[in-house]
Structure formats: structure tokens, C-alpha cells
């Protein structure tokens, strides 16, 4: 019984993670790559926010920036590829 409860809890966590990623993809849309802002323009906006950029990737139709915020904490920020609207922010607690 205990293992059944644990399996159910793990399954619901996996579904929640998948739903979040799908939600981010929905909010980023399906923008053709030709309509994306340049990485250089995105980098300028992110630096102006006070983030020290470590890496920029494309993930689920979004720009994903890994770096450090003004407090030196690691952050991962997802941006809409055309508007640079922040979609989500994850970071050190």
C-alpha cells in the first residue's frame, strides 16, 4: 500500500512538471524562427535587467537564459521569442 501511494505521488509530480512545460510552450506560441528577435537584442534586454548571462538556449519555443541576478543567485528565465516578455523565472531559493 505504501509503495502505491508513493507511486501515485510521483506520477502527479511528473504530470505537474509536464503541464508547466506545456504551459510555457503555449505562452511562447509557435512563432516562426524568422520572426524571433535576435539573440543579441535579447541579451541586451536581459543585461539591462541586471542579469549576468551564462547561457542562452532555445527550449520549447522560448528563449531560455541561465545566469545570475543582482544578488548573485542562479536564475533561469524563459522569454517569449518575439516580444521578450518573461514567461517564467526559476532560481535559487
PDB file of N, CA and C in Angstrom:
ATOM      1  N   UNK A   1       0.822  -1.203   0.000  1.00  0.00           N
ATOM      2  CA  UNK A   1       0.000   0.000   0.000  1.00  0.00           C
ATOM      3  C   UNK A   1       0.862   1.261   0.000  1.00  0.00           C
ATOM      4  N   UNK A   2       1.914   1.238   0.828  1.00  0.00           N
ATOM      5  CA  UNK A   2       2.798   2.389   0.922  1.00  0.00           C
ATOM      6  C   UNK A   2       3.438   2.710  -0.437  1.00  0.00           C
ATOM      7  N   UNK A   3       3.865   1.676  -1.157  1.00  0.00           N
ATOM      8  CA  UNK A   3       4.501   1.909  -2.462  1.00  0.00           C
ATOM      9  C   UNK A   3       3.498   2.416  -3.487  1.00  0.00           C
ATOM     10  N   UNK A   4       2.238   2.033  -3.353  1.00  0.00           N
ATOM     11  CA  UNK A   4       1.201   2.518  -4.259  1.00  0.00           C
ATOM     12  C   UNK A   4       0.986   4.022  -4.061  1.00  0.00           C
ATOM     13  N   UNK A   5       0.948   4.451  -2.812  1.00  0.00           N
ATOM     14  CA  UNK A   5       0.780   5.868  -2.500  1.00  0.00           C
ATOM     15  C   UNK A   5       1.981   6.661  -3.027  1.00  0.00           C
ATOM     16  N   UNK A   6       3.190   6.130  -2.838  1.00  0.00           N
ATOM     17  CA  UNK A   6       4.399   6.797  -3.319  1.00  0.00           C
ATOM     18  C   UNK A   6       4.384   6.898  -4.842  1.00  0.00           C
ATOM     19  N   UNK A   7       3.995   5.826  -5.507  1.00  0.00           N
ATOM     20  CA  UNK A   7       3.934   5.835  -6.970  1.00  0.00           C
ATOM     21  C   UNK A   7       2.928   6.873  -7.464  1.00  0.00           C
ATOM     22  N   UNK A   8       1.788   6.969  -6.798  1.00  0.00           N
ATOM     23  CA  UNK A   8       0.771   7.954  -7.190  1.00  0.00           C
ATOM     24  C   UNK A   8       1.287   9.377  -6.989  1.00  0.00           C
ATOM     25  N   UNK A   9       1.997   9.604  -5.896  1.00  0.00           N
ATOM     26  CA  UNK A   9       2.552  10.940  -5.632  1.00  0.00           C
ATOM     27  C   UNK A   9       3.591  11.315  -6.687  1.00  0.00           C
ATOM     28  N   UNK A  10       4.455  10.378  -7.033  1.00  0.00           N
ATOM     29  CA  UNK A  10       5.472  10.648  -8.049  1.00  0.00           C
ATOM     30  C   UNK A  10       4.837  10.884  -9.413  1.00  0.00           C
ATOM     31  N   UNK A  11       3.802  10.139  -9.734  1.00  0.00           N
ATOM     32  CA  UNK A  11       3.116  10.321 -11.017  1.00  0.00           C
ATOM     33  C   UNK A  11       2.487  11.703 -11.102  1.00  0.00           C
ATOM     34  N   UNK A  12       1.885  12.184 -10.011  1.00  0.00           N
ATOM     35  CA  UNK A  12       1.271  13.510 -10.062  1.00  0.00           C
ATOM     36  C   UNK A  12       2.322  14.609 -10.161  1.00  0.00           C
ATOM     37  N   UNK A  13       3.495  14.414  -9.561  1.00  0.00           N
ATOM     38  CA  UNK A  13       4.580  15.395  -9.725  1.00  0.00           C
ATOM     39  C   UNK A  13       5.058  15.429 -11.168  1.00  0.00           C
ATOM     40  N   UNK A  14       5.185  14.278 -11.794  1.00  0.00           N
ATOM     41  CA  UNK A  14       5.621  14.220 -13.192  1.00  0.00           C
ATOM     42  C   UNK A  14       4.608  14.915 -14.091  1.00  0.00           C
ATOM     43  N   UNK A  15       3.333  14.705 -13.846  1.00  0.00           N
ATOM     44  CA  UNK A  15       2.299  15.352 -14.648  1.00  0.00           C
ATOM     45  C   UNK A  15       2.318  16.866 -14.447  1.00  0.00           C
ATOM     46  N   UNK A  16       2.543  17.314 -13.240  1.00  0.00           N
ATOM     47  CA  UNK A  16       2.604  18.752 -12.966  1.00  0.00           C
ATOM     48  C   UNK A  16       3.780  19.386 -13.703  1.00  0.00           C
ATOM     49  N   UNK A  17       4.927  18.712 -13.733  1.00  0.00           N
ATOM     50  CA  UNK A  17       6.089  19.237 -14.452  1.00  0.00           C
ATOM     51  C   UNK A  17       5.812  19.317 -15.938  1.00  0.00           C
ATOM     52  N   UNK A  18       5.176  18.296 -16.491  1.00  0.00           N
ATOM     53  CA  UNK A  18       4.840  18.285 -17.907  1.00  0.00           C
ATOM     54  C   UNK A  18       3.855  19.395 -18.223  1.00  0.00           C
ATOM     55  N   UNK A  19       2.875  19.598 -17.369  1.00  0.00           N
ATOM     56  CA  UNK A  19       1.882  20.650 -17.597  1.00  0.00           C
ATOM     57  C   UNK A  19       2.543  22.020 -17.607  1.00  0.00           C
ATOM     58  N   UNK A  20       3.509  22.268 -16.714  1.00  0.00           N
ATOM     59  CA  UNK A  20       4.190  23.555 -16.685  1.00  0.00           C
ATOM     60  C   UNK A  20       4.956  23.780 -17.977  1.00  0.00           C
ATOM     61  N   UNK A  21       5.690  22.776 -18.440  1.00  0.00           N
ATOM     62  CA  UNK A  21       6.446  22.924 -19.689  1.00  0.00           C
ATOM     63  C   UNK A  21       5.502  23.165 -20.856  1.00  0.00           C
ATOM     64  N   UNK A  22       4.394  22.434 -20.906  1.00  0.00           N
ATOM     65  CA  UNK A  22       3.421  22.635 -21.976  1.00  0.00           C
ATOM     66  C   UNK A  22       2.818  24.031 -21.905  1.00  0.00           C
ATOM     67  N   UNK A  23       2.562  24.515 -20.682  1.00  0.00           N
ATOM     68  CA  UNK A  23       2.003  25.847 -20.497  1.00  0.00           C
ATOM     69  C   UNK A  23       2.978  26.911 -21.008  1.00  0.00           C
ATOM     70  N   UNK A  24       4.274  26.745 -20.705  1.00  0.00           N
ATOM     71  CA  UNK A  24       5.280  27.687 -21.203  1.00  0.00           C
ATOM     72  C   UNK A  24       5.288  27.680 -22.720  1.00  0.00           C
ATOM     73  N   UNK A  25       5.235  26.497 -23.318  1.00  0.00           N
ATOM     74  CA  UNK A  25       5.240  26.393 -24.783  1.00  0.00           C
ATOM     75  C   UNK A  25       4.014  27.105 -25.355  1.00  0.00           C
ATOM     76  N   UNK A  26       2.873  26.932 -24.712  1.00  0.00           N
ATOM     77  CA  UNK A  26       1.649  27.594 -25.176  1.00  0.00           C
ATOM     78  C   UNK A  26       1.810  29.106 -25.116  1.00  0.00           C
ATOM     79  N   UNK A  27       2.394  29.609 -24.043  1.00  0.00           N
ATOM     80  CA  UNK A  27       2.558  31.059 -23.897  1.00  0.00           C
ATOM     81  C   UNK A  27       3.617  31.619 -24.841  1.00  0.00           C
ATOM     82  N   UNK A  28       4.600  30.806 -25.226  1.00  0.00           N
ATOM     83  CA  UNK A  28       5.591  31.274 -26.196  1.00  0.00           C
ATOM     84  C   UNK A  28       5.030  31.188 -27.606  1.00  0.00           C
ATOM     85  N   UNK A  29       4.059  30.344 -27.803  1.00  0.00           N
ATOM     86  CA  UNK A  29       3.436  30.217 -29.118  1.00  0.00           C
ATOM     87  C   UNK A  29       4.289  29.407 -30.068  1.00  0.00           C
ATOM     88  N   UNK A  30       3.914  29.458 -31.294  1.00  0.00           N
ATOM     89  CA  UNK A  30       4.622  28.738 -32.342  1.00  0.00           C
ATOM     90  C   UNK A  30       5.131  29.776 -33.344  1.00  0.00           C
ATOM     91  N   UNK A  31       5.991  30.659 -32.870  1.00  0.00           N
ATOM     92  CA  UNK A  31       6.490  31.781 -33.671  1.00  0.00           C
ATOM     93  C   UNK A  31       7.544  31.258 -34.646  1.00  0.00           C
ATOM     94  N   UNK A  32       7.384  31.538 -35.939  1.00  0.00           N
ATOM     95  CA  UNK A  32       8.415  31.127 -36.899  1.00  0.00           C
ATOM     96  C   UNK A  32       9.758  31.756 -36.537  1.00  0.00           C
ATOM     97  N   UNK A  33      10.827  31.004 -36.672  1.00  0.00           N
ATOM     98  CA  UNK A  33      12.154  31.467 -36.264  1.00  0.00           C
ATOM     99  C   UNK A  33      12.546  32.767 -36.964  1.00  0.00           C
ATOM    100  N   UNK A  34      12.038  32.979 -38.159  1.00  0.00           N
ATOM    101  CA  UNK A  34      12.337  34.223 -38.892  1.00  0.00           C
ATOM    102  C   UNK A  34      11.770  35.450 -38.193  1.00  0.00           C
ATOM    103  N   UNK A  35      10.745  35.250 -37.336  1.00  0.00           N
ATOM    104  CA  UNK A  35      10.110  36.358 -36.625  1.00  0.00           C
ATOM    105  C   UNK A  35      10.654  36.557 -35.211  1.00  0.00           C
ATOM    106  N   UNK A  36      11.624  35.751 -34.813  1.00  0.00           N
ATOM    107  CA  UNK A  36      12.201  35.883 -33.480  1.00  0.00           C
ATOM    108  C   UNK A  36      13.093  37.117 -33.419  1.00  0.00           C
ATOM    109  N   UNK A  37      13.172  37.744 -32.236  1.00  0.00           N
ATOM    110  CA  UNK A  37      14.143  38.806 -32.033  1.00  0.00           C
ATOM    111  C   UNK A  37      15.523  38.157 -32.050  1.00  0.00           C
ATOM    112  N   UNK A  38      16.532  38.909 -32.376  1.00  0.00           N
ATOM    113  CA  UNK A  38      17.876  38.334 -32.417  1.00  0.00           C
ATOM    114  C   UNK A  38      18.345  38.027 -30.999  1.00  0.00           C
ATOM    115  N   UNK A  39      19.253  37.087 -30.902  1.00  0.00           N
ATOM    116  CA  UNK A  39      19.809  36.758 -29.594  1.00  0.00           C
ATOM    117  C   UNK A  39      20.538  37.964 -29.013  1.00  0.00           C
ATOM    118  N   UNK A  40      21.181  38.749 -29.869  1.00  0.00           N
ATOM    119  CA  UNK A  40      21.890  39.950 -29.401  1.00  0.00           C
ATOM    120  C   UNK A  40      20.917  40.942 -28.763  1.00  0.00           C
ATOM    121  N   UNK A  41      19.741  41.136 -29.380  1.00  0.00           N
ATOM    122  CA  UNK A  41      18.734  42.037 -28.803  1.00  0.00           C
ATOM    123  C   UNK A  41      18.218  41.498 -27.472  1.00  0.00           C
ATOM    124  N   UNK A  42      17.986  40.190 -27.410  1.00  0.00           N
ATOM    125  CA  UNK A  42      17.539  39.582 -26.155  1.00  0.00           C
ATOM    126  C   UNK A  42      18.605  39.772 -25.075  1.00  0.00           C
ATOM    127  N   UNK A  43      19.846  39.511 -25.423  1.00  0.00           N
ATOM    128  CA  UNK A  43      20.933  39.665 -24.447  1.00  0.00           C
ATOM    129  C   UNK A  43      20.985  41.101 -23.906  1.00  0.00           C
ATOM    130  N   UNK A  44      20.799  42.084 -24.765  1.00  0.00           N
ATOM    131  CA  UNK A  44      20.803  43.482 -24.320  1.00  0.00           C
ATOM    132  C   UNK A  44      19.699  43.735 -23.304  1.00  0.00           C
ATOM    133  N   UNK A  45      18.499  43.205 -23.570  1.00  0.00           N
ATOM    134  CA  UNK A  45      17.382  43.390 -22.637  1.00  0.00           C
ATOM    135  C   UNK A  45      17.654  42.714 -21.299  1.00  0.00           C
ATOM    136  N   UNK A  46      18.215  41.509 -21.350  1.00  0.00           N
ATOM    137  CA  UNK A  46      18.467  40.753 -20.118  1.00  0.00           C
ATOM    138  C   UNK A  46      19.555  41.430 -19.285  1.00  0.00           C
ATOM    139  N   UNK A  47      20.599  41.899 -19.926  1.00  0.00           N
ATOM    140  CA  UNK A  47      21.668  42.607 -19.204  1.00  0.00           C
ATOM    141  C   UNK A  47      21.112  43.882 -18.562  1.00  0.00           C
ATOM    142  N   UNK A  48      20.212  44.565 -19.254  1.00  0.00           N
ATOM    143  CA  UNK A  48      19.591  45.772 -18.700  1.00  0.00           C
ATOM    144  C   UNK A  48      18.745  45.456 -17.465  1.00  0.00           C
ATOM    145  N   UNK A  49      18.296  44.205 -17.344  1.00  0.00           N
ATOM    146  CA  UNK A  49      17.541  43.769 -16.163  1.00  0.00           C
ATOM    147  C   UNK A  49      18.467  43.480 -14.980  1.00  0.00           C
ATOM    148  N   UNK A  50      19.788  43.526 -15.226  1.00  0.00           N
ATOM    149  CA  UNK A  50      20.739  43.254 -14.155  1.00  0.00           C
ATOM    150  C   UNK A  50      21.123  41.793 -14.040  1.00  0.00           C
ATOM    151  N   UNK A  51      20.907  41.018 -15.094  1.00  0.00           N
ATOM    152  CA  UNK A  51      21.248  39.600 -15.076  1.00  0.00           C
ATOM    153  C   UNK A  51      22.569  39.394 -15.803  1.00  0.00           C
ATOM    154  N   UNK A  52      23.493  38.689 -15.144  1.00  0.00           N
ATOM    155  CA  UNK A  52      24.743  38.290 -15.776  1.00  0.00           C
ATOM    156  C   UNK A  52      24.470  36.982 -16.519  1.00  0.00           C
ATOM    157  N   UNK A  53      24.564  36.996 -17.828  1.00  0.00           N
ATOM    158  CA  UNK A  53      24.188  35.853 -18.652  1.00  0.00           C
ATOM    159  C   UNK A  53      25.308  34.822 -18.684  1.00  0.00           C
ATOM    160  N   UNK A  54      24.924  33.572 -18.425  1.00  0.00           N
ATOM    161  CA  UNK A  54      25.861  32.449 -18.530  1.00  0.00           C
ATOM    162  C   UNK A  54      25.614  31.656 -19.807  1.00  0.00           C
ATOM    163  N   UNK A  55      24.320  31.544 -20.209  1.00  0.00           N
ATOM    164  CA  UNK A  55      23.974  30.725 -21.366  1.00  0.00           C
ATOM    165  C   UNK A  55      22.611  31.144 -21.902  1.00  0.00           C
ATOM    166  N   UNK A  56      22.452  31.085 -23.221  1.00  0.00           N
ATOM    167  CA  UNK A  56      21.157  31.322 -23.864  1.00  0.00           C
ATOM    168  C   UNK A  56      20.861  30.110 -24.729  1.00  0.00           C
ATOM    169  N   UNK A  57      19.678  29.528 -24.542  1.00  0.00           N
ATOM    170  CA  UNK A  57      19.258  28.370 -25.324  1.00  0.00           C
ATOM    171  C   UNK A  57      17.847  28.592 -25.833  1.00  0.00           C
ATOM    172  N   UNK A  58      17.437  27.742 -26.750  1.00  0.00           N
ATOM    173  CA  UNK A  58      16.054  27.702 -27.211  1.00  0.00           C
ATOM    174  C   UNK A  58      15.447  26.428 -26.647  1.00  0.00           C
ATOM    175  N   UNK A  59      14.308  26.560 -25.969  1.00  0.00           N
ATOM    176  CA  UNK A  59      13.661  25.405 -25.360  1.00  0.00           C
ATOM    177  C   UNK A  59      12.146  25.561 -25.438  1.00  0.00           C
ATOM    178  N   UNK A  60      11.475  24.591 -26.011  1.00  0.00           N
ATOM    179  CA  UNK A  60      10.008  24.594 -26.130  1.00  0.00           C
ATOM    180  C   UNK A  60       9.477  25.875 -26.761  1.00  0.00           C
ATOM    181  N   UNK A  61      10.171  26.395 -27.763  1.00  0.00           N
ATOM    182  CA  UNK A  61       9.702  27.585 -28.459  1.00  0.00           C
ATOM    183  C   UNK A  61       9.964  28.887 -27.733  1.00  0.00           C
ATOM    184  N   UNK A  62      10.736  28.840 -26.655  1.00  0.00           N
ATOM    185  CA  UNK A  62      11.078  30.032 -25.877  1.00  0.00           C
ATOM    186  C   UNK A  62      12.588  30.226 -25.885  1.00  0.00           C
ATOM    187  N   UNK A  63      13.019  31.463 -25.657  1.00  0.00           N
ATOM    188  CA  UNK A  63      14.411  31.694 -25.297  1.00  0.00           C
ATOM    189  C   UNK A  63      14.533  31.348 -23.819  1.00  0.00           C
ATOM    190  N   UNK A  64      15.591  30.649 -23.449  1.00  0.00           N
ATOM    191  CA  UNK A  64      15.849  30.323 -22.056  1.00  0.00           C
ATOM    192  C   UNK A  64      17.223  30.862 -21.694  1.00  0.00           C
ATOM    193  N   UNK A  65      17.265  31.729 -20.693  1.00  0.00           N
ATOM    194  CA  UNK A  65      18.510  32.373 -20.278  1.00  0.00           C
ATOM    195  C   UNK A  65      18.886  31.860 -18.897  1.00  0.00           C
ATOM    196  N   UNK A  66      20.107  31.367 -18.780  1.00  0.00           N
ATOM    197  CA  UNK A  66      20.655  30.972 -17.484  1.00  0.00           C
ATOM    198  C   UNK A  66      21.683  32.009 -17.094  1.00  0.00           C
ATOM    199  N   UNK A  67      21.635  32.428 -15.833  1.00  0.00           N
ATOM    200  CA  UNK A  67      22.588  33.433 -15.389  1.00  0.00           C
ATOM    201  C   UNK A  67      22.512  33.674 -13.904  1.00  0.00           C
ATOM    202  N   UNK A  68      22.981  34.841 -13.510  1.00  0.00           N
ATOM    203  CA  UNK A  68      22.965  35.242 -12.093  1.00  0.00           C
ATOM    204  C   UNK A  68      22.308  36.604 -11.988  1.00  0.00           C
ATOM    205  N   UNK A  69      21.438  36.739 -10.985  1.00  0.00           N
ATOM    206  CA  UNK A  69      20.759  38.020 -10.788  1.00  0.00           C
ATOM    207  C   UNK A  69      21.658  38.983 -10.010  1.00  0.00           C
ATOM    208  N   UNK A  70      21.127  40.146  -9.682  1.00  0.00           N
ATOM    209  CA  UNK A  70      21.906  41.181  -8.985  1.00  0.00           C
ATOM    210  C   UNK A  70      22.441  40.714  -7.641  1.00  0.00           C
ATOM    211  N   UNK A  71      21.730  39.734  -7.023  1.00  0.00           N
ATOM    212  CA  UNK A  71      22.146  39.201  -5.724  1.00  0.00           C
ATOM    213  C   UNK A  71      23.133  38.050  -5.855  1.00  0.00           C
ATOM    214  N   UNK A  72      23.490  37.697  -7.091  1.00  0.00           N
ATOM    215  CA  UNK A  72      24.431  36.600  -7.316  1.00  0.00           C
ATOM    216  C   UNK A  72      23.794  35.229  -7.328  1.00  0.00           C
ATOM    217  N   UNK A  73      22.479  35.179  -7.275  1.00  0.00           N
ATOM    218  CA  UNK A  73      21.781  33.891  -7.275  1.00  0.00           C
ATOM    219  C   UNK A  73      21.551  33.395  -8.698  1.00  0.00           C
ATOM    220  N   UNK A  74      21.656  32.089  -8.873  1.00  0.00           N
ATOM    221  CA  UNK A  74      21.417  31.481 -10.181  1.00  0.00           C
ATOM    222  C   UNK A  74      19.942  31.630 -10.556  1.00  0.00           C
ATOM    223  N   UNK A  75      19.687  32.001 -11.810  1.00  0.00           N
ATOM    224  CA  UNK A  75      18.320  32.128 -12.308  1.00  0.00           C
ATOM    225  C   UNK A  75      18.234  31.498 -13.693  1.00  0.00           C
ATOM    226  N   UNK A  76      17.041  31.037 -14.004  1.00  0.00           N
ATOM    227  CA  UNK A  76      16.719  30.539 -15.336  1.00  0.00           C
ATOM    228  C   UNK A  76      15.430  31.235 -15.739  1.00  0.00           C
ATOM    229  N   UNK A  77      15.509  32.047 -16.774  1.00  0.00           N
ATOM    230  CA  UNK A  77      14.361  32.854 -17.185  1.00  0.00           C
ATOM    231  C   UNK A  77      13.983  32.480 -18.608  1.00  0.00           C
ATOM    232  N   UNK A  78      12.686  32.265 -18.831  1.00  0.00           N
ATOM    233  CA  UNK A  78      12.179  31.961 -20.163  1.00  0.00           C
ATOM    234  C   UNK A  78      11.516  33.216 -20.717  1.00  0.00           C
ATOM    235  N   UNK A  79      11.801  33.518 -21.986  1.00  0.00           N
ATOM    236  CA  UNK A  79      11.281  34.712 -22.643  1.00  0.00           C
ATOM    237  C   UNK A  79      10.544  34.336 -23.923  1.00  0.00           C
ATOM    238  N   UNK A  80       9.491  35.108 -24.213  1.00  0.00           N
ATOM    239  CA  UNK A  80       8.801  34.957 -25.491  1.00  0.00           C
ATOM    240  C   UNK A  80       9.800  35.342 -26.582  1.00  0.00           C
ATOM    241  N   UNK A  81       9.900  34.560 -27.664  1.00  0.00           N
ATOM    242  CA  UNK A  81      10.942  34.795 -28.660  1.00  0.00           C
ATOM    243  C   UNK A  81      10.763  36.047 -29.516  1.00  0.00           C
ATOM    244  N   UNK A  82       9.564  36.583 -29.550  1.00  0.00           N
ATOM    245  CA  UNK A  82       9.308  37.750 -30.400  1.00  0.00           C
ATOM    246  C   UNK A  82       9.222  39.044 -29.589  1.00  0.00           C
ATOM    247  N   UNK A  83       8.684  38.943 -28.366  1.00  0.00           N
ATOM    248  CA  UNK A  83       8.425  40.146 -27.569  1.00  0.00           C
ATOM    249  C   UNK A  83       9.373  40.319 -26.378  1.00  0.00           C
ATOM    250  N   UNK A  84      10.103  39.266 -26.020  1.00  0.00           N
ATOM    251  CA  UNK A  84      10.970  39.231 -24.837  1.00  0.00           C
ATOM    252  C   UNK A  84      10.184  39.344 -23.535  1.00  0.00           C
ATOM    253  N   UNK A  85       8.873  39.063 -23.589  1.00  0.00           N
ATOM    254  CA  UNK A  85       8.065  39.009 -22.368  1.00  0.00           C
ATOM    255  C   UNK A  85       8.554  37.831 -21.521  1.00  0.00           C
ATOM    256  N   UNK A  86       8.703  38.070 -20.207  1.00  0.00           N
ATOM    257  CA  UNK A  86       9.106  36.982 -19.303  1.00  0.00           C
ATOM    258  C   UNK A  86       7.967  35.988 -19.192  1.00  0.00           C
ATOM    259  N   UNK A  87       8.272  34.727 -19.448  1.00  0.00           N
ATOM    260  CA  UNK A  87       7.282  33.661 -19.347  1.00  0.00           C
ATOM    261  C   UNK A  87       7.372  32.993 -17.978  1.00  0.00           C
ATOM    262  N   UNK A  88       8.602  32.725 -17.525  1.00  0.00           N
ATOM    263  CA  UNK A  88       8.778  32.130 -16.199  1.00  0.00           C
ATOM    264  C   UNK A  88      10.177  32.428 -15.684  1.00  0.00           C
ATOM    265  N   UNK A  89      10.314  32.358 -14.361  1.00  0.00           N
ATOM    266  CA  UNK A  89      11.608  32.553 -13.701  1.00  0.00           C
ATOM    267  C   UNK A  89      11.767  31.477 -12.661  1.00  0.00           C
ATOM    268  N   UNK A  90      12.870  30.768 -12.727  1.00  0.00           N
ATOM    269  CA  UNK A  90      13.233  29.792 -11.699  1.00  0.00           C
ATOM    270  C   UNK A  90      14.580  30.217 -11.165  1.00  0.00           C
ATOM    271  N   UNK A  91      14.804  30.003  -9.865  1.00  0.00           N
ATOM    272  CA  UNK A  91      16.087  30.400  -9.309  1.00  0.00           C
ATOM    273  C   UNK A  91      16.390  29.733  -8.001  1.00  0.00           C
ATOM    274  N   UNK A  92      17.576  30.023  -7.496  1.00  0.00           N
ATOM    275  CA  UNK A  92      17.986  29.533  -6.179  1.00  0.00           C
ATOM    276  C   UNK A  92      17.078  30.126  -5.131  1.00  0.00           C
ATOM    277  N   UNK A  93      16.732  29.327  -4.186  1.00  0.00           N
ATOM    278  CA  UNK A  93      15.909  29.820  -3.062  1.00  0.00           C
ATOM    279  C   UNK A  93      16.758  30.235  -1.910  1.00  0.00           C
TER     280      UNK A  93
END
